[in-house]
Amino acid sequence: MQKYTPTDDQIRTQFVTSLMNYFKIEEDVFLRSHIDELIRPIPTNRYSEFLRRLSSRDFPFKTGIEKISLIAHELLEEQRSPLELEAHKRGQKLYALMYDLRRTITDERNSEQSALERFENVRFTSIKEANSTQPLLDSLDIEVIRTLTKRWIYDYVSLDRGIFERRVTHEYTLLLLEQQRQQTQPSIATSTKRALMRKPK
């Protein structure tokens, strides 16, 4: 007789139920969906560690969902590669900057141009830190902005933070991977060239 093995989706569904029961969260399709989304990136073999951290920590003034979110974030950060961490960090930084910029522009009164037009006219290469001459955005940031377009950024930075950060992080990841590939190629080419130049014995 073949042994029944539950799928990862079934294990995750049961884990969401266990978390809701643990924190006495009333059954609700939206809350269940939210908790499922929080733990979805966590591998099922880490669920016991998830529970261990939940039960061994003191979270004053935090709701059950906030506690789940904190532990999920911790475990997710630990399993990310350095490249993924950089992409995520850059994505959060770009979100904060673009959100503040959009809010500042929409608060301005200008009858000649719409807020979108003023946003599209901003020279992102000239944005600098306060009391600094250094540009706030580097060439990688500018490339991501160019790929996404200013219009897309304007629309989504205030519409849905989750979609914005996922898309931006994805673009940073692709560019960082390409940078990494280009950096390793010369060394491979050099070693190949040296091998070819060696005289046979």
Protein backbone atom coordinates (compact mmCIF):
# COMPACT_ATOMS: atom_id res chain seq x y z
CA MET A 1 0.00 0.00 0.00
CA GLN A 2 1.41 3.36 -1.07
CA LYS A 3 1.98 5.84 1.72
CA TYR A 4 0.02 9.10 1.41
CA THR A 5 2.23 12.19 1.27
CA PRO A 6 0.53 15.59 1.52
CA THR A 7 1.54 18.26 -0.99
CA ASP A 8 3.21 21.52 0.06
CA ASP A 9 -0.07 23.35 -0.64
CA GLN A 10 -1.95 21.01 1.70
CA ILE A 11 0.70 21.38 4.40
CA ARG A 12 0.61 25.17 4.09
CA THR A 13 -3.22 25.21 4.26
CA GLN A 14 -3.10 23.14 7.46
CA PHE A 15 -0.35 25.37 8.88
CA VAL A 16 -2.47 28.48 8.24
CA THR A 17 -5.35 26.77 10.08
CA SER A 18 -3.01 25.92 12.98
CA LEU A 19 -1.79 29.52 13.21
CA MET A 20 -5.34 30.86 13.17
CA ASN A 21 -6.32 28.44 15.94
CA TYR A 22 -3.16 29.24 17.94
CA PHE A 23 -3.96 32.97 17.94
CA LYS A 24 -7.74 32.43 18.09
CA ILE A 25 -8.17 34.30 14.80
CA GLU A 26 -11.76 33.99 13.63
CA GLU A 27 -12.19 32.15 10.33
CA ASP A 28 -12.37 34.73 7.56
CA VAL A 29 -11.50 34.25 3.88
CA PHE A 30 -9.53 37.51 3.72
CA LEU A 31 -7.55 36.92 6.92
CA ARG A 32 -6.79 33.34 5.82
CA SER A 33 -5.61 34.61 2.43
CA HIS A 34 -3.42 37.25 4.10
CA ILE A 35 -1.76 34.76 6.44
CA ASP A 36 -1.26 32.34 3.54
CA GLU A 37 0.48 35.11 1.58
CA LEU A 38 2.74 35.93 4.56
CA ILE A 39 3.99 32.35 4.96
CA ARG A 40 3.96 31.29 1.28
CA PRO A 41 7.69 32.05 0.68
CA ILE A 42 8.69 29.98 3.74
CA PRO A 43 9.60 26.33 2.95
CA THR A 44 7.38 23.78 4.71
CA ASN A 45 10.42 22.20 6.41
CA ARG A 46 10.88 25.49 8.31
CA TYR A 47 7.41 25.46 9.89
CA SER A 48 8.64 23.83 13.11
CA GLU A 49 11.25 26.60 13.45
CA PHE A 50 8.50 29.12 12.71
CA LEU A 51 6.45 27.78 15.62
CA ARG A 52 9.48 27.58 17.89
CA ARG A 53 10.20 31.28 17.38
CA LEU A 54 6.56 32.24 17.85
CA SER A 55 6.29 30.40 21.14
CA SER A 56 9.67 31.49 22.53
CA ARG A 57 9.37 35.22 21.85
CA ASP A 58 7.70 37.98 23.76
CA PHE A 59 5.82 40.34 21.43
CA PRO A 60 4.33 43.09 23.56
CA PHE A 61 1.44 44.98 21.97
CA LYS A 62 1.50 42.87 18.77
CA THR A 63 -1.55 41.17 17.29
CA GLY A 64 -1.43 37.55 16.14
CA ILE A 65 -1.10 38.52 12.48
CA GLU A 66 1.66 41.03 13.30
CA LYS A 67 3.58 38.28 15.13
CA ILE A 68 3.18 35.91 12.17
CA SER A 69 4.38 38.66 9.83
CA LEU A 70 7.49 39.39 11.93
CA ILE A 71 8.60 35.75 12.08
CA ALA A 72 7.84 35.20 8.38
CA HIS A 73 9.95 38.25 7.54
CA GLU A 74 12.85 36.97 9.69
CA LEU A 75 12.88 33.54 8.06
CA LEU A 76 12.55 35.00 4.57
CA GLU A 77 15.51 37.33 5.13
CA GLU A 78 17.64 34.43 6.35
CA GLN A 79 17.03 32.34 3.23
CA ARG A 80 17.74 35.11 0.74
CA SER A 81 21.07 35.21 -1.09
CA PRO A 82 23.22 38.39 -0.83
CA LEU A 83 22.06 39.35 -4.33
CA GLU A 84 18.38 38.90 -3.41
CA LEU A 85 18.89 40.90 -0.23
CA GLU A 86 20.43 43.77 -2.19
CA ALA A 87 17.59 43.71 -4.74
CA HIS A 88 15.01 43.73 -1.93
CA LYS A 89 16.77 46.56 -0.09
CA ARG A 90 17.02 48.63 -3.28
CA GLY A 91 13.35 47.97 -4.03
CA GLN A 92 12.28 49.26 -0.62
CA LYS A 93 14.50 52.33 -0.96
CA LEU A 94 13.09 53.15 -4.41
CA TYR A 95 9.54 52.71 -3.15
CA ALA A 96 10.09 55.14 -0.25
CA LEU A 97 11.72 57.73 -2.50
CA MET A 98 9.11 57.52 -5.28
CA TYR A 99 6.20 57.54 -2.82
CA ASP A 100 7.50 60.71 -1.14
CA LEU A 101 8.23 62.34 -4.50
CA ARG A 102 4.76 61.57 -5.84
CA ARG A 103 3.09 62.86 -2.68
CA THR A 104 5.12 66.10 -2.79
CA ILE A 105 4.25 66.67 -6.44
CA THR A 106 0.52 65.94 -6.05
CA ASP A 107 0.37 68.34 -3.09
CA GLU A 108 1.68 71.17 -5.28
CA ARG A 109 -0.82 73.40 -7.06
CA ASN A 110 -0.01 73.91 -10.71
CA SER A 111 -2.68 74.77 -13.29
CA GLU A 112 -0.32 74.49 -16.26
CA GLN A 113 0.74 70.87 -15.82
CA SER A 114 -0.87 67.79 -14.34
CA ALA A 115 0.81 66.02 -11.43
CA LEU A 116 1.76 63.15 -13.78
CA GLU A 117 3.43 65.56 -16.22
CA ARG A 118 5.40 67.19 -13.41
CA PHE A 119 6.44 63.75 -12.14
CA GLU A 120 7.59 62.71 -15.64
CA ASN A 121 9.62 65.94 -15.94
CA VAL A 122 11.68 65.22 -12.81
CA ARG A 123 15.34 64.49 -13.59
CA PHE A 124 15.97 61.54 -11.30
CA THR A 125 19.73 61.73 -11.95
CA SER A 126 19.78 65.13 -10.23
CA ILE A 127 18.08 64.04 -6.98
CA LYS A 128 20.58 64.34 -4.14
CA GLU A 129 20.73 63.59 -0.44
CA ALA A 130 20.19 66.56 1.85
CA ASN A 131 23.45 68.48 2.36
CA SER A 132 25.25 66.30 -0.17
CA THR A 133 26.45 66.58 -3.75
CA GLN A 134 26.18 62.83 -4.33
CA PRO A 135 23.25 61.61 -6.48
CA LEU A 136 20.73 59.61 -4.50
CA LEU A 137 20.16 57.18 -7.37
CA ASP A 138 22.94 55.29 -9.16
CA SER A 139 23.03 53.90 -12.69
CA LEU A 140 21.27 50.69 -11.63
CA ASP A 141 18.39 52.65 -10.10
CA ILE A 142 18.07 54.77 -13.25
CA GLU A 143 18.03 51.65 -15.43
CA VAL A 144 15.20 50.17 -13.36
CA ILE A 145 13.22 53.43 -13.62
CA ARG A 146 13.80 53.49 -17.39
CA THR A 147 12.58 49.90 -17.69
CA LEU A 148 9.46 50.44 -15.59
CA THR A 149 8.75 53.94 -16.99
CA LYS A 150 7.89 56.98 -14.91
CA ARG A 151 4.19 56.60 -15.72
CA TRP A 152 4.09 53.06 -14.29
CA ILE A 153 5.91 54.22 -11.15
CA TYR A 154 3.53 57.15 -10.74
CA ASP A 155 0.48 54.89 -11.06
CA TYR A 156 1.58 51.97 -8.90
CA VAL A 157 3.64 53.56 -6.12
CA SER A 158 0.45 54.80 -4.48
CA LEU A 159 -1.90 52.12 -5.81
CA ASP A 160 -0.39 48.87 -4.51
CA ARG A 161 2.85 48.71 -2.54
CA GLY A 162 3.04 44.91 -2.81
CA ILE A 163 2.86 44.89 -6.62
CA PHE A 164 5.26 47.82 -6.82
CA GLU A 165 7.94 46.25 -4.61
CA ARG A 166 7.68 42.81 -6.24
CA ARG A 167 8.05 44.23 -9.75
CA VAL A 168 10.88 46.60 -8.78
CA THR A 169 12.74 43.88 -6.85
CA HIS A 170 12.40 41.57 -9.86
CA GLU A 171 13.95 44.20 -12.17
CA TYR A 172 16.82 44.83 -9.73
CA THR A 173 17.44 41.07 -9.46
CA LEU A 174 17.69 40.73 -13.25
CA LEU A 175 20.13 43.64 -13.53
CA LEU A 176 22.26 42.47 -10.61
CA LEU A 177 22.44 38.97 -12.11
CA GLU A 178 23.53 40.48 -15.43
CA GLN A 179 26.18 42.57 -13.65
CA GLN A 180 27.41 39.45 -11.87
CA ARG A 181 27.56 37.53 -15.16
CA GLN A 182 29.56 40.31 -16.86
CA GLN A 183 32.01 40.46 -13.95
CA THR A 184 32.70 36.72 -14.09
CA GLN A 185 33.00 36.54 -17.88
CA PRO A 186 36.31 38.43 -18.19
CA SER A 187 37.97 36.17 -15.61
CA ILE A 188 36.74 33.08 -17.47
CA ALA A 189 37.94 34.52 -20.78
CA THR A 190 41.34 35.35 -19.26
CA SER A 191 41.84 31.88 -17.82
CA THR A 192 40.82 30.32 -21.16
CA LYS A 193 43.26 32.57 -23.01
CA ARG A 194 46.07 31.63 -20.63
CA ALA A 195 45.32 27.94 -21.10
CA LEU A 196 45.49 28.33 -24.87
CA MET A 197 48.77 30.23 -24.67
CA ARG A 198 50.46 27.52 -22.63
CA LYS A 199 52.93 25.59 -24.75
CA PRO A 200 52.39 21.85 -24.82
CA LYS A 201 55.07 19.85 -23.06
